[in-house]
Amino acid sequence: MSTPEDRTSGEPREGVTPGVPQGPPGTPAAPHEGVTPGAPHRDAVPSAPQTTTTSPRHGSPLRADCVIDSDGRITFRLPPVPAAHPRLLLRLRPKKGCSETARHLLDLESGRSDGHRQAVLEPHPVLDEGRWDVYLLPEPGAERRRLRPGLRDLRSLVDGHLRDRPAPVAVRIPYVTKDGFLALRAWRRTAHAEARTVDVTDRAMTVTARLHGADLHADATVRLRLRGTDTVRIVRPRTDDAKGFSFTVAPGDLADGGGGAARVWDVFVRPTDGAPPIRVGRLLDDVADRKHVYVYPAVGTDGAALRPYYTVDNDLAIEVT
């Protein structure tokens, strides 16, 4: 299994809003909002230039409300659209230099007396991992128009870590991009280890996590892999049952082998000997971009400093300097 990198996604890294007071280190900012239902199907759609949709009556950008349920079903609701067959287009944002390859089209049904339209994105098929931009397609072959977010109801996601997930582990979180548009963040993992708490003291850090999509065995191990190398440190976890585990790491455990330069260790759990390592991260709540929201202090002993953090993909990593 290749080493996951703290790679850059198409979305600019989202940080804390300047001037807004923040809580103690390692605690999230204000709670995010959440969403509900949908049923997609693939279709060929021309890659038209992006434009912002405006309301014909008010000249303001058209906004889409959304609500997500505990099964991952998302319901989008738009105000009246002056078109005979409007549809909602979800487009997977391509990596730099690549062309678009994945799109989903949802019918916008009008079943209300006020003319509002609704589209439902069902839990299956599972969306590919990445960021999905949301557009209005007024007519087949028409220019696609990017949507602004309206109300987002994400309450069902807040305690998502409390529910065991089968394989594959699929996650969707509606969010607002840096430039103010509506998008979905999606993950699709064969299995996933959800970090529940990261406790940092003056001498060590302890991570508590729960495995989804697989079971822990007696020979389970936590593997800390030095990014860009084949160097691995093995830690024996403390297990609660076939799902829950925790482990502790001190700066001295990861201090050697770096030649004085900063080093990053990616965190995995191997459920049993010979099984593929499973990434440890935090995906099962309403936070789409965790890197600059959950910030932890460093632990420093014996000339080395250790600091846990979440990558741009919400995976757990440890930086040692």
C-alpha atoms as a PDB file:
ATOM      1  CA  MET A   1       0.000   0.000   0.000  1.00  0.00           C
ATOM      2  CA  SER A   2       1.525   3.297  -1.017  1.00  0.00           C
ATOM      3  CA  THR A   3       2.043   5.999   1.545  1.00  0.00           C
ATOM      4  CA  PRO A   4      -0.811   8.546   1.495  1.00  0.00           C
ATOM      5  CA  GLU A   5       0.494  12.050   1.127  1.00  0.00           C
ATOM      6  CA  ASP A   6      -0.886  15.205   2.726  1.00  0.00           C
ATOM      7  CA  ARG A   7      -1.860  16.101  -0.796  1.00  0.00           C
ATOM      8  CA  THR A   8      -3.490  19.260  -2.006  1.00  0.00           C
ATOM      9  CA  SER A   9      -7.058  18.930  -3.237  1.00  0.00           C
ATOM     10  CA  GLY A  10      -8.780  21.209  -5.715  1.00  0.00           C
ATOM     11  CA  GLU A  11     -10.334  23.139  -2.845  1.00  0.00           C
ATOM     12  CA  PRO A  12      -8.182  25.856  -1.230  1.00  0.00           C
ATOM     13  CA  ARG A  13      -7.275  24.948   2.322  1.00  0.00           C
ATOM     14  CA  GLU A  14      -9.923  26.360   4.582  1.00  0.00           C
ATOM     15  CA  GLY A  15      -8.740  28.051   7.748  1.00  0.00           C
ATOM     16  CA  VAL A  16     -10.193  29.803  10.723  1.00  0.00           C
ATOM     17  CA  THR A  17     -11.990  33.051   9.942  1.00  0.00           C
ATOM     18  CA  PRO A  18      -9.808  36.028  10.940  1.00  0.00           C
ATOM     19  CA  GLY A  19     -11.074  37.924  13.955  1.00  0.00           C
ATOM     20  CA  VAL A  20     -13.244  35.080  15.269  1.00  0.00           C
ATOM     21  CA  PRO A  21     -12.261  33.942  18.788  1.00  0.00           C
ATOM     22  CA  GLN A  22     -11.156  30.319  18.895  1.00  0.00           C
ATOM     23  CA  GLY A  23     -11.540  27.698  21.616  1.00  0.00           C
ATOM     24  CA  PRO A  24      -8.767  25.787  23.375  1.00  0.00           C
ATOM     25  CA  PRO A  25      -6.264  23.872  21.203  1.00  0.00           C
ATOM     26  CA  GLY A  26      -7.695  20.671  19.792  1.00  0.00           C
ATOM     27  CA  THR A  27     -11.297  21.814  19.998  1.00  0.00           C
ATOM     28  CA  PRO A  28     -13.512  22.579  17.001  1.00  0.00           C
ATOM     29  CA  ALA A  29     -14.851  25.952  16.031  1.00  0.00           C
ATOM     30  CA  ALA A  30     -18.581  26.614  16.029  1.00  0.00           C
ATOM     31  CA  PRO A  31     -20.686  23.609  14.965  1.00  0.00           C
ATOM     32  CA  HIS A  32     -21.232  23.215  11.249  1.00  0.00           C
ATOM     33  CA  GLU A  33     -24.627  22.815   9.669  1.00  0.00           C
ATOM     34  CA  GLY A  34     -25.932  19.565   8.121  1.00  0.00           C
ATOM     35  CA  VAL A  35     -28.259  18.008   5.093  1.00  0.00           C
ATOM     36  CA  THR A  36     -30.890  15.098   3.603  1.00  0.00           C
ATOM     37  CA  PRO A  37     -31.923  12.546   0.467  1.00  0.00           C
ATOM     38  CA  GLY A  38     -30.994  11.736  -3.365  1.00  0.00           C
ATOM     39  CA  ALA A  39     -30.946   9.306  -6.386  1.00  0.00           C
ATOM     40  CA  PRO A  40     -28.264   9.859  -9.037  1.00  0.00           C
ATOM     41  CA  HIS A  41     -27.711   8.493 -12.510  1.00  0.00           C
ATOM     42  CA  ARG A  42     -24.816   9.131 -14.882  1.00  0.00           C
ATOM     43  CA  ASP A  43     -25.308  11.085 -18.079  1.00  0.00           C
ATOM     44  CA  ALA A  44     -23.181  12.935 -20.589  1.00  0.00           C
ATOM     45  CA  VAL A  45     -23.114  16.649 -19.850  1.00  0.00           C
ATOM     46  CA  PRO A  46     -21.179  19.265 -21.824  1.00  0.00           C
ATOM     47  CA  SER A  47     -18.387  20.947 -19.871  1.00  0.00           C
ATOM     48  CA  ALA A  48     -19.744  24.451 -20.141  1.00  0.00           C
ATOM     49  CA  PRO A  49     -18.115  27.476 -18.485  1.00  0.00           C
ATOM     50  CA  GLN A  50     -19.189  28.093 -14.910  1.00  0.00           C
ATOM     51  CA  THR A  51     -21.638  30.875 -14.213  1.00  0.00           C
ATOM     52  CA  THR A  52     -23.522  31.915 -11.113  1.00  0.00           C
ATOM     53  CA  THR A  53     -27.268  31.298 -11.290  1.00  0.00           C
ATOM     54  CA  THR A  54     -29.399  34.321 -10.438  1.00  0.00           C
ATOM     55  CA  SER A  55     -33.025  34.569  -9.490  1.00  0.00           C
ATOM     56  CA  PRO A  56     -35.069  36.012 -12.377  1.00  0.00           C
ATOM     57  CA  ARG A  57     -37.173  38.013  -9.921  1.00  0.00           C
ATOM     58  CA  HIS A  58     -34.528  39.454  -7.608  1.00  0.00           C
ATOM     59  CA  GLY A  59     -31.263  39.272  -9.560  1.00  0.00           C
ATOM     60  CA  SER A  60     -29.596  37.520  -6.616  1.00  0.00           C
ATOM     61  CA  PRO A  61     -27.723  34.187  -6.849  1.00  0.00           C
ATOM     62  CA  LEU A  62     -30.000  31.148  -6.795  1.00  0.00           C
ATOM     63  CA  ARG A  63     -29.502  29.131  -3.615  1.00  0.00           C
ATOM     64  CA  ALA A  64     -30.135  25.475  -2.895  1.00  0.00           C
ATOM     65  CA  ASP A  65     -31.231  24.275   0.550  1.00  0.00           C
ATOM     66  CA  CYS A  66     -30.124  20.788   1.521  1.00  0.00           C
ATOM     67  CA  VAL A  67     -30.666  18.314   4.329  1.00  0.00           C
ATOM     68  CA  ILE A  68     -28.864  15.003   4.956  1.00  0.00           C
ATOM     69  CA  ASP A  69     -30.142  12.038   6.917  1.00  0.00           C
ATOM     70  CA  SER A  70     -28.241   9.425   8.932  1.00  0.00           C
ATOM     71  CA  ASP A  71     -28.044   7.089   5.911  1.00  0.00           C
ATOM     72  CA  GLY A  72     -26.284   9.712   3.796  1.00  0.00           C
ATOM     73  CA  ARG A  73     -29.341  10.562   1.697  1.00  0.00           C
ATOM     74  CA  ILE A  74     -29.332  14.215   0.632  1.00  0.00           C
ATOM     75  CA  THR A  75     -32.352  16.264  -0.422  1.00  0.00           C
ATOM     76  CA  PHE A  76     -31.777  19.497  -2.365  1.00  0.00           C
ATOM     77  CA  ARG A  77     -34.551  22.102  -2.583  1.00  0.00           C
ATOM     78  CA  LEU A  78     -34.522  25.049  -5.007  1.00  0.00           C
ATOM     79  CA  PRO A  79     -36.926  27.941  -5.533  1.00  0.00           C
ATOM     80  CA  PRO A  80     -38.995  27.997  -8.745  1.00  0.00           C
ATOM     81  CA  VAL A  81     -36.815  27.582 -11.842  1.00  0.00           C
ATOM     82  CA  PRO A  82     -38.120  28.933 -15.196  1.00  0.00           C
ATOM     83  CA  ALA A  83     -37.327  25.797 -17.194  1.00  0.00           C
ATOM     84  CA  ALA A  84     -39.327  22.805 -18.396  1.00  0.00           C
ATOM     85  CA  HIS A  85     -36.864  20.048 -17.450  1.00  0.00           C
ATOM     86  CA  PRO A  86     -34.271  21.400 -14.991  1.00  0.00           C
ATOM     87  CA  ARG A  87     -31.837  19.002 -13.367  1.00  0.00           C
ATOM     88  CA  LEU A  88     -29.174  19.151 -10.692  1.00  0.00           C
ATOM     89  CA  LEU A  89     -25.632  18.337 -11.822  1.00  0.00           C
ATOM     90  CA  LEU A  90     -22.981  17.013  -9.418  1.00  0.00           C
ATOM     91  CA  ARG A  91     -19.513  17.188 -10.914  1.00  0.00           C
ATOM     92  CA  LEU A  92     -16.402  15.606  -9.349  1.00  0.00           C
ATOM     93  CA  ARG A  93     -13.739  18.290  -9.288  1.00  0.00           C
ATOM     94  CA  PRO A  94     -10.824  16.960 -11.382  1.00  0.00           C
ATOM     95  CA  LYS A  95      -7.248  16.984 -10.207  1.00  0.00           C
ATOM     96  CA  LYS A  96      -5.000  19.656 -11.676  1.00  0.00           C
ATOM     97  CA  GLY A  97      -4.269  18.967 -15.324  1.00  0.00           C
ATOM     98  CA  CYS A  98      -6.949  16.255 -15.621  1.00  0.00           C
ATOM     99  CA  SER A  99     -10.277  16.334 -17.427  1.00  0.00           C
ATOM    100  CA  GLU A 100     -13.683  15.779 -15.861  1.00  0.00           C
ATOM    101  CA  THR A 101     -14.578  12.103 -15.620  1.00  0.00           C
ATOM    102  CA  ALA A 102     -17.422  11.748 -13.087  1.00  0.00           C
ATOM    103  CA  ARG A 103     -20.839  13.440 -13.084  1.00  0.00           C
ATOM    104  CA  HIS A 104     -24.265  12.658 -11.672  1.00  0.00           C
ATOM    105  CA  LEU A 105     -27.571  14.124 -12.819  1.00  0.00           C
ATOM    106  CA  LEU A 106     -30.604  14.406 -10.539  1.00  0.00           C
ATOM    107  CA  ASP A 107     -34.097  15.273 -11.731  1.00  0.00           C
ATOM    108  CA  LEU A 108     -35.567  18.379 -10.100  1.00  0.00           C
ATOM    109  CA  GLU A 109     -39.182  17.439  -9.445  1.00  0.00           C
ATOM    110  CA  SER A 110     -41.911  20.017  -8.910  1.00  0.00           C
ATOM    111  CA  GLY A 111     -44.557  18.666  -6.586  1.00  0.00           C
ATOM    112  CA  ARG A 112     -45.363  21.723  -4.500  1.00  0.00           C
ATOM    113  CA  SER A 113     -47.934  24.456  -4.964  1.00  0.00           C
ATOM    114  CA  ASP A 114     -45.287  27.142  -4.408  1.00  0.00           C
ATOM    115  CA  GLY A 115     -43.290  25.937  -7.427  1.00  0.00           C
ATOM    116  CA  HIS A 116     -40.199  24.900  -5.463  1.00  0.00           C
ATOM    117  CA  ARG A 117     -38.276  21.974  -6.897  1.00  0.00           C
ATOM    118  CA  GLN A 118     -36.601  19.058  -5.147  1.00  0.00           C
ATOM    119  CA  ALA A 119     -33.875  16.553  -6.055  1.00  0.00           C
ATOM    120  CA  VAL A 120     -32.797  13.539  -3.998  1.00  0.00           C
ATOM    121  CA  LEU A 121     -29.309  12.016  -3.918  1.00  0.00           C
ATOM    122  CA  GLU A 122     -29.716   8.473  -2.598  1.00  0.00           C
ATOM    123  CA  PRO A 123     -26.963   6.718  -0.593  1.00  0.00           C
ATOM    124  CA  HIS A 124     -26.255   4.417  -3.566  1.00  0.00           C
ATOM    125  CA  PRO A 125     -24.445   4.476  -5.853  1.00  0.00           C
ATOM    126  CA  VAL A 126     -21.561   5.621  -3.669  1.00  0.00           C
ATOM    127  CA  LEU A 127     -19.858   8.822  -4.792  1.00  0.00           C
ATOM    128  CA  ASP A 128     -16.175   8.657  -5.697  1.00  0.00           C
ATOM    129  CA  GLU A 129     -13.860  10.191  -3.125  1.00  0.00           C
ATOM    130  CA  GLY A 130     -13.250  13.890  -3.688  1.00  0.00           C
ATOM    131  CA  ARG A 131     -15.075  17.228  -3.911  1.00  0.00           C
ATOM    132  CA  TRP A 132     -18.298  17.489  -5.909  1.00  0.00           C
ATOM    133  CA  ASP A 133     -19.481  20.884  -7.136  1.00  0.00           C
ATOM    134  CA  VAL A 134     -23.254  21.451  -7.451  1.00  0.00           C
ATOM    135  CA  TYR A 135     -24.822  23.058 -10.538  1.00  0.00           C
ATOM    136  CA  LEU A 136     -28.221  23.759 -12.032  1.00  0.00           C
ATOM    137  CA  LEU A 137     -28.696  22.443 -15.563  1.00  0.00           C
ATOM    138  CA  PRO A 138     -31.823  24.319 -16.796  1.00  0.00           C
ATOM    139  CA  GLU A 139     -32.287  22.226 -19.944  1.00  0.00           C
ATOM    140  CA  PRO A 140     -30.495  19.275 -21.601  1.00  0.00           C
ATOM    141  CA  GLY A 141     -27.414  20.665 -23.333  1.00  0.00           C
ATOM    142  CA  ALA A 142     -27.769  24.077 -21.666  1.00  0.00           C
ATOM    143  CA  GLU A 143     -25.004  25.952 -19.892  1.00  0.00           C
ATOM    144  CA  ARG A 144     -24.521  24.672 -16.359  1.00  0.00           C
ATOM    145  CA  ARG A 145     -24.849  27.191 -13.554  1.00  0.00           C
ATOM    146  CA  ARG A 146     -23.162  26.847 -10.202  1.00  0.00           C
ATOM    147  CA  LEU A 147     -25.331  27.181  -7.101  1.00  0.00           C
ATOM    148  CA  ARG A 148     -24.882  29.067  -3.849  1.00  0.00           C
ATOM    149  CA  PRO A 149     -25.784  27.367  -0.546  1.00  0.00           C
ATOM    150  CA  GLY A 150     -29.058  28.070   1.197  1.00  0.00           C
ATOM    151  CA  LEU A 151     -29.981  26.405   4.479  1.00  0.00           C
ATOM    152  CA  ARG A 152     -27.913  23.309   5.284  1.00  0.00           C
ATOM    153  CA  ASP A 153     -29.288  20.879   7.851  1.00  0.00           C
ATOM    154  CA  LEU A 154     -26.420  18.609   8.927  1.00  0.00           C
ATOM    155  CA  ARG A 155     -27.690  17.673  12.373  1.00  0.00           C
ATOM    156  CA  SER A 156     -27.783  13.950  11.571  1.00  0.00           C
ATOM    157  CA  LEU A 157     -24.011  14.004  10.934  1.00  0.00           C
ATOM    158  CA  VAL A 158     -22.941  15.450  14.284  1.00  0.00           C
ATOM    159  CA  ASP A 159     -23.044  12.100  16.130  1.00  0.00           C
ATOM    160  CA  GLY A 160     -22.199   9.994  13.069  1.00  0.00           C
ATOM    161  CA  HIS A 161     -19.162   8.509  14.814  1.00  0.00           C
ATOM    162  CA  LEU A 162     -21.485   6.694  17.240  1.00  0.00           C
ATOM    163  CA  ARG A 163     -22.903   4.421  14.513  1.00  0.00           C
ATOM    164  CA  ASP A 164     -20.907   1.440  13.231  1.00  0.00           C
ATOM    165  CA  ARG A 165     -20.468   1.567   9.450  1.00  0.00           C
ATOM    166  CA  PRO A 166     -20.264  -1.475   7.152  1.00  0.00           C
ATOM    167  CA  ALA A 167     -17.772  -1.774   4.308  1.00  0.00           C
ATOM    168  CA  PRO A 168     -17.360   0.153   2.145  1.00  0.00           C
ATOM    169  CA  VAL A 169     -17.409   3.199   4.393  1.00  0.00           C
ATOM    170  CA  ALA A 170     -19.003   6.041   2.415  1.00  0.00           C
ATOM    171  CA  VAL A 171     -19.247   9.616   3.716  1.00  0.00           C
ATOM    172  CA  ARG A 172     -20.802  12.792   2.253  1.00  0.00           C
ATOM    173  CA  ILE A 173     -20.718  16.255   3.784  1.00  0.00           C
ATOM    174  CA  PRO A 174     -22.319  19.316   2.110  1.00  0.00           C
ATOM    175  CA  TYR A 175     -20.183  22.415   2.663  1.00  0.00           C
ATOM    176  CA  VAL A 176     -19.502  25.932   1.412  1.00  0.00           C
ATOM    177  CA  THR A 177     -16.381  26.496  -0.697  1.00  0.00           C
ATOM    178  CA  LYS A 178     -13.979  29.359  -0.063  1.00  0.00           C
ATOM    179  CA  ASP A 179     -15.597  31.311  -2.893  1.00  0.00           C
ATOM    180  CA  GLY A 180     -19.097  30.776  -1.479  1.00  0.00           C
ATOM    181  CA  PHE A 181     -20.543  27.963  -3.605  1.00  0.00           C
ATOM    182  CA  LEU A 182     -22.296  24.742  -2.594  1.00  0.00           C
ATOM    183  CA  ALA A 183     -20.269  21.524  -2.809  1.00  0.00           C
ATOM    184  CA  LEU A 184     -20.117  18.007  -1.370  1.00  0.00           C
ATOM    185  CA  ARG A 185     -17.080  16.409   0.245  1.00  0.00           C
ATOM    186  CA  ALA A 186     -17.101  12.628  -0.274  1.00  0.00           C
ATOM    187  CA  TRP A 187     -14.960   9.782   1.031  1.00  0.00           C
ATOM    188  CA  ARG A 188     -15.085   6.135  -0.010  1.00  0.00           C
ATOM    189  CA  ARG A 189     -12.926   3.715   1.953  1.00  0.00           C
ATOM    190  CA  THR A 190     -12.928  -0.097   2.059  1.00  0.00           C
ATOM    191  CA  ALA A 191     -12.556   0.332   5.824  1.00  0.00           C
ATOM    192  CA  HIS A 192     -11.907   3.299   8.097  1.00  0.00           C
ATOM    193  CA  ALA A 193     -10.572   3.921  11.611  1.00  0.00           C
ATOM    194  CA  GLU A 194     -12.346   6.933  13.112  1.00  0.00           C
ATOM    195  CA  ALA A 195     -10.258   8.952  15.561  1.00  0.00           C
ATOM    196  CA  ARG A 196     -12.499   9.786  18.503  1.00  0.00           C
ATOM    197  CA  THR A 197     -10.136  11.743  20.781  1.00  0.00           C
ATOM    198  CA  VAL A 198      -6.553  12.974  20.558  1.00  0.00           C
ATOM    199  CA  ASP A 199      -5.276  13.753  24.048  1.00  0.00           C
ATOM    200  CA  VAL A 200      -2.007  15.691  24.255  1.00  0.00           C
ATOM    201  CA  THR A 201      -0.087  15.953  27.548  1.00  0.00           C
ATOM    202  CA  ASP A 202       3.318  17.408  28.330  1.00  0.00           C
ATOM    203  CA  ARG A 203       4.989  14.038  27.641  1.00  0.00           C
ATOM    204  CA  ALA A 204       2.914  12.061  25.087  1.00  0.00           C
ATOM    205  CA  MET A 205      -0.176  11.894  22.914  1.00  0.00           C
ATOM    206  CA  THR A 206      -2.939   9.279  23.169  1.00  0.00           C
ATOM    207  CA  VAL A 207      -5.385   8.530  20.359  1.00  0.00           C
ATOM    208  CA  THR A 208      -8.690   6.716  20.887  1.00  0.00           C
ATOM    209  CA  ALA A 209     -10.324   5.345  17.732  1.00  0.00           C
ATOM    210  CA  ARG A 210     -12.964   2.955  16.434  1.00  0.00           C
ATOM    211  CA  LEU A 211     -12.727   0.684  13.411  1.00  0.00           C
ATOM    212  CA  HIS A 212     -15.479   0.616  10.764  1.00  0.00           C
ATOM    213  CA  GLY A 213     -15.782  -1.953   7.989  1.00  0.00           C
ATOM    214  CA  ALA A 214     -13.428  -4.476   9.634  1.00  0.00           C
ATOM    215  CA  ASP A 215     -12.753  -6.177  12.986  1.00  0.00           C
ATOM    216  CA  LEU A 216      -9.711  -6.078  15.242  1.00  0.00           C
ATOM    217  CA  HIS A 217      -7.919  -9.325  16.131  1.00  0.00           C
ATOM    218  CA  ALA A 218      -5.519 -10.202  18.928  1.00  0.00           C
ATOM    219  CA  ASP A 219      -2.487  -9.452  16.743  1.00  0.00           C
ATOM    220  CA  ALA A 220      -3.720  -5.996  15.617  1.00  0.00           C
ATOM    221  CA  THR A 221      -1.057  -3.287  15.374  1.00  0.00           C
ATOM    222  CA  VAL A 222      -0.878   0.471  14.897  1.00  0.00           C
ATOM    223  CA  ARG A 223       1.597   1.385  12.174  1.00  0.00           C
ATOM    224  CA  LEU A 224       3.223   4.813  11.972  1.00  0.00           C
ATOM    225  CA  ARG A 225       4.770   5.251   8.522  1.00  0.00           C
ATOM    226  CA  LEU A 226       7.362   7.945   7.837  1.00  0.00           C
ATOM    227  CA  ARG A 227       6.012   9.777   4.812  1.00  0.00           C
ATOM    228  CA  GLY A 228       8.005   9.241   1.630  1.00  0.00           C
ATOM    229  CA  THR A 229       9.901   6.232   3.006  1.00  0.00           C
ATOM    230  CA  ASP A 230       9.420   2.577   3.931  1.00  0.00           C
ATOM    231  CA  THR A 231      10.212   3.296   7.593  1.00  0.00           C
ATOM    232  CA  VAL A 232       7.485   2.032   9.926  1.00  0.00           C
ATOM    233  CA  ARG A 233       7.143   2.150  13.705  1.00  0.00           C
ATOM    234  CA  ILE A 234       4.903  -0.519  15.268  1.00  0.00           C
ATOM    235  CA  VAL A 235       2.766   0.241  18.331  1.00  0.00           C
ATOM    236  CA  ARG A 236       0.638  -2.338  20.140  1.00  0.00           C
ATOM    237  CA  PRO A 237      -2.836  -0.876  20.690  1.00  0.00           C
ATOM    238  CA  ARG A 238      -5.039  -1.333  23.713  1.00  0.00           C
ATOM    239  CA  THR A 239      -8.310  -2.850  22.484  1.00  0.00           C
ATOM    240  CA  ASP A 240     -11.791  -2.457  23.988  1.00  0.00           C
ATOM    241  CA  ASP A 241     -13.555  -4.953  21.718  1.00  0.00           C
ATOM    242  CA  ALA A 242     -13.440  -5.924  18.048  1.00  0.00           C
ATOM    243  CA  LYS A 243     -13.831  -2.266  17.065  1.00  0.00           C
ATOM    244  CA  GLY A 244     -12.422   0.123  19.669  1.00  0.00           C
ATOM    245  CA  PHE A 245      -8.727   0.722  20.336  1.00  0.00           C
ATOM    246  CA  SER A 246      -6.265   3.319  21.618  1.00  0.00           C
ATOM    247  CA  PHE A 247      -2.510   3.893  21.526  1.00  0.00           C
ATOM    248  CA  THR A 248       0.068   6.251  22.996  1.00  0.00           C
ATOM    249  CA  VAL A 249       3.141   7.765  21.341  1.00  0.00           C
ATOM    250  CA  ALA A 250       5.915   9.904  22.870  1.00  0.00           C
ATOM    251  CA  PRO A 251       8.329  12.160  20.960  1.00  0.00           C
ATOM    252  CA  GLY A 252      11.208   9.771  21.577  1.00  0.00           C
ATOM    253  CA  ASP A 253       9.354   6.969  19.772  1.00  0.00           C
ATOM    254  CA  LEU A 254       9.572   8.898  16.474  1.00  0.00           C
ATOM    255  CA  ALA A 255      12.624  11.121  16.986  1.00  0.00           C
ATOM    256  CA  ASP A 256      15.365   9.266  15.117  1.00  0.00           C
ATOM    257  CA  GLY A 257      16.058   8.930  11.413  1.00  0.00           C
ATOM    258  CA  GLY A 258      15.240  12.442  10.292  1.00  0.00           C
ATOM    259  CA  GLY A 259      18.626  14.128  10.178  1.00  0.00           C
ATOM    260  CA  GLY A 260      17.290  17.171  12.026  1.00  0.00           C
ATOM    261  CA  ALA A 261      14.552  17.897   9.473  1.00  0.00           C
ATOM    262  CA  ALA A 262      10.832  17.929  10.188  1.00  0.00           C
ATOM    263  CA  ARG A 263       9.240  14.521   9.608  1.00  0.00           C
ATOM    264  CA  VAL A 264       5.629  13.486   9.132  1.00  0.00           C
ATOM    265  CA  TRP A 265       4.313  10.089  10.197  1.00  0.00           C
ATOM    266  CA  ASP A 266       0.990   8.859   8.773  1.00  0.00           C
ATOM    267  CA  VAL A 267      -1.161   6.757  11.112  1.00  0.00           C
ATOM    268  CA  PHE A 268      -2.657   3.350  10.211  1.00  0.00           C
ATOM    269  CA  VAL A 269      -4.109   0.359  12.025  1.00  0.00           C
ATOM    270  CA  ARG A 270      -3.618  -3.211  10.786  1.00  0.00           C
ATOM    271  CA  PRO A 271      -6.538  -5.329  12.099  1.00  0.00           C
ATOM    272  CA  THR A 272      -4.575  -8.581  11.851  1.00  0.00           C
ATOM    273  CA  ASP A 273      -1.237  -9.778  10.533  1.00  0.00           C
ATOM    274  CA  GLY A 274      -1.193  -9.688   6.731  1.00  0.00           C
ATOM    275  CA  ALA A 275      -4.294  -7.479   6.394  1.00  0.00           C
ATOM    276  CA  PRO A 276      -4.005  -4.160   4.507  1.00  0.00           C
ATOM    277  CA  PRO A 277      -3.314  -1.170   6.807  1.00  0.00           C
ATOM    278  CA  ILE A 278      -6.338   1.059   7.361  1.00  0.00           C
ATOM    279  CA  ARG A 279      -5.948   4.835   7.586  1.00  0.00           C
ATOM    280  CA  VAL A 280      -6.824   6.546  10.859  1.00  0.00           C
ATOM    281  CA  GLY A 281      -8.691   9.828  10.398  1.00  0.00           C
ATOM    282  CA  ARG A 282     -11.858  11.652  11.310  1.00  0.00           C
ATOM    283  CA  LEU A 283     -14.636  11.669   8.727  1.00  0.00           C
ATOM    284  CA  LEU A 284     -17.839  10.755  10.553  1.00  0.00           C
ATOM    285  CA  ASP A 285     -19.303  14.107  11.557  1.00  0.00           C
ATOM    286  CA  ASP A 286     -20.264  17.420   9.940  1.00  0.00           C
ATOM    287  CA  VAL A 287     -16.776  18.939   9.482  1.00  0.00           C
ATOM    288  CA  ALA A 288     -15.737  18.825   5.822  1.00  0.00           C
ATOM    289  CA  ASP A 289     -12.283  20.396   6.292  1.00  0.00           C
ATOM    290  CA  ARG A 290     -10.660  19.633   9.621  1.00  0.00           C
ATOM    291  CA  LYS A 291      -7.019  20.663   9.092  1.00  0.00           C
ATOM    292  CA  HIS A 292      -7.284  24.247  10.361  1.00  0.00           C
ATOM    293  CA  VAL A 293     -10.248  23.674  12.674  1.00  0.00           C
ATOM    294  CA  TYR A 294      -8.794  21.029  15.006  1.00  0.00           C
ATOM    295  CA  VAL A 295      -5.383  22.345  16.047  1.00  0.00           C
ATOM    296  CA  TYR A 296      -3.291  20.594  18.704  1.00  0.00           C
ATOM    297  CA  PRO A 297      -0.275  21.751  20.744  1.00  0.00           C
ATOM    298  CA  ALA A 298       3.134  20.149  20.424  1.00  0.00           C
ATOM    299  CA  VAL A 299       4.636  17.702  22.921  1.00  0.00           C
ATOM    300  CA  GLY A 300       8.337  18.356  23.555  1.00  0.00           C
ATOM    301  CA  THR A 301      10.776  16.112  25.431  1.00  0.00           C
ATOM    302  CA  ASP A 302      14.483  15.273  25.088  1.00  0.00           C
ATOM    303  CA  GLY A 303      15.073  17.724  22.264  1.00  0.00           C
ATOM    304  CA  ALA A 304      12.206  16.448  20.068  1.00  0.00           C
ATOM    305  CA  ALA A 305       8.728  17.890  19.528  1.00  0.00           C
ATOM    306  CA  LEU A 306       5.664  15.945  18.373  1.00  0.00           C
ATOM    307  CA  ARG A 307       2.435  17.495  17.080  1.00  0.00           C
ATOM    308  CA  PRO A 308      -0.659  15.628  15.821  1.00  0.00           C
ATOM    309  CA  TYR A 309      -2.709  17.180  13.033  1.00  0.00           C
ATOM    310  CA  TYR A 310      -5.298  16.336  10.377  1.00  0.00           C
ATOM    311  CA  THR A 311      -4.315  16.435   6.707  1.00  0.00           C
ATOM    312  CA  VAL A 312      -6.328  18.073   3.920  1.00  0.00           C
ATOM    313  CA  ASP A 313      -8.090  14.702   3.554  1.00  0.00           C
ATOM    314  CA  ASN A 314      -8.981  14.629   7.296  1.00  0.00           C
ATOM    315  CA  ASP A 315      -6.515  11.798   7.937  1.00  0.00           C
ATOM    316  CA  LEU A 316      -4.441  11.772  11.131  1.00  0.00           C
ATOM    317  CA  ALA A 317      -0.712  12.489  10.914  1.00  0.00           C
ATOM    318  CA  ILE A 318       2.070  13.298  13.383  1.00  0.00           C
ATOM    319  CA  GLU A 319       4.741  15.909  12.714  1.00  0.00           C
ATOM    320  CA  VAL A 320       8.059  15.536  14.549  1.00  0.00           C
ATOM    321  CA  THR A 321      10.706  18.279  14.701  1.00  0.00           C
END
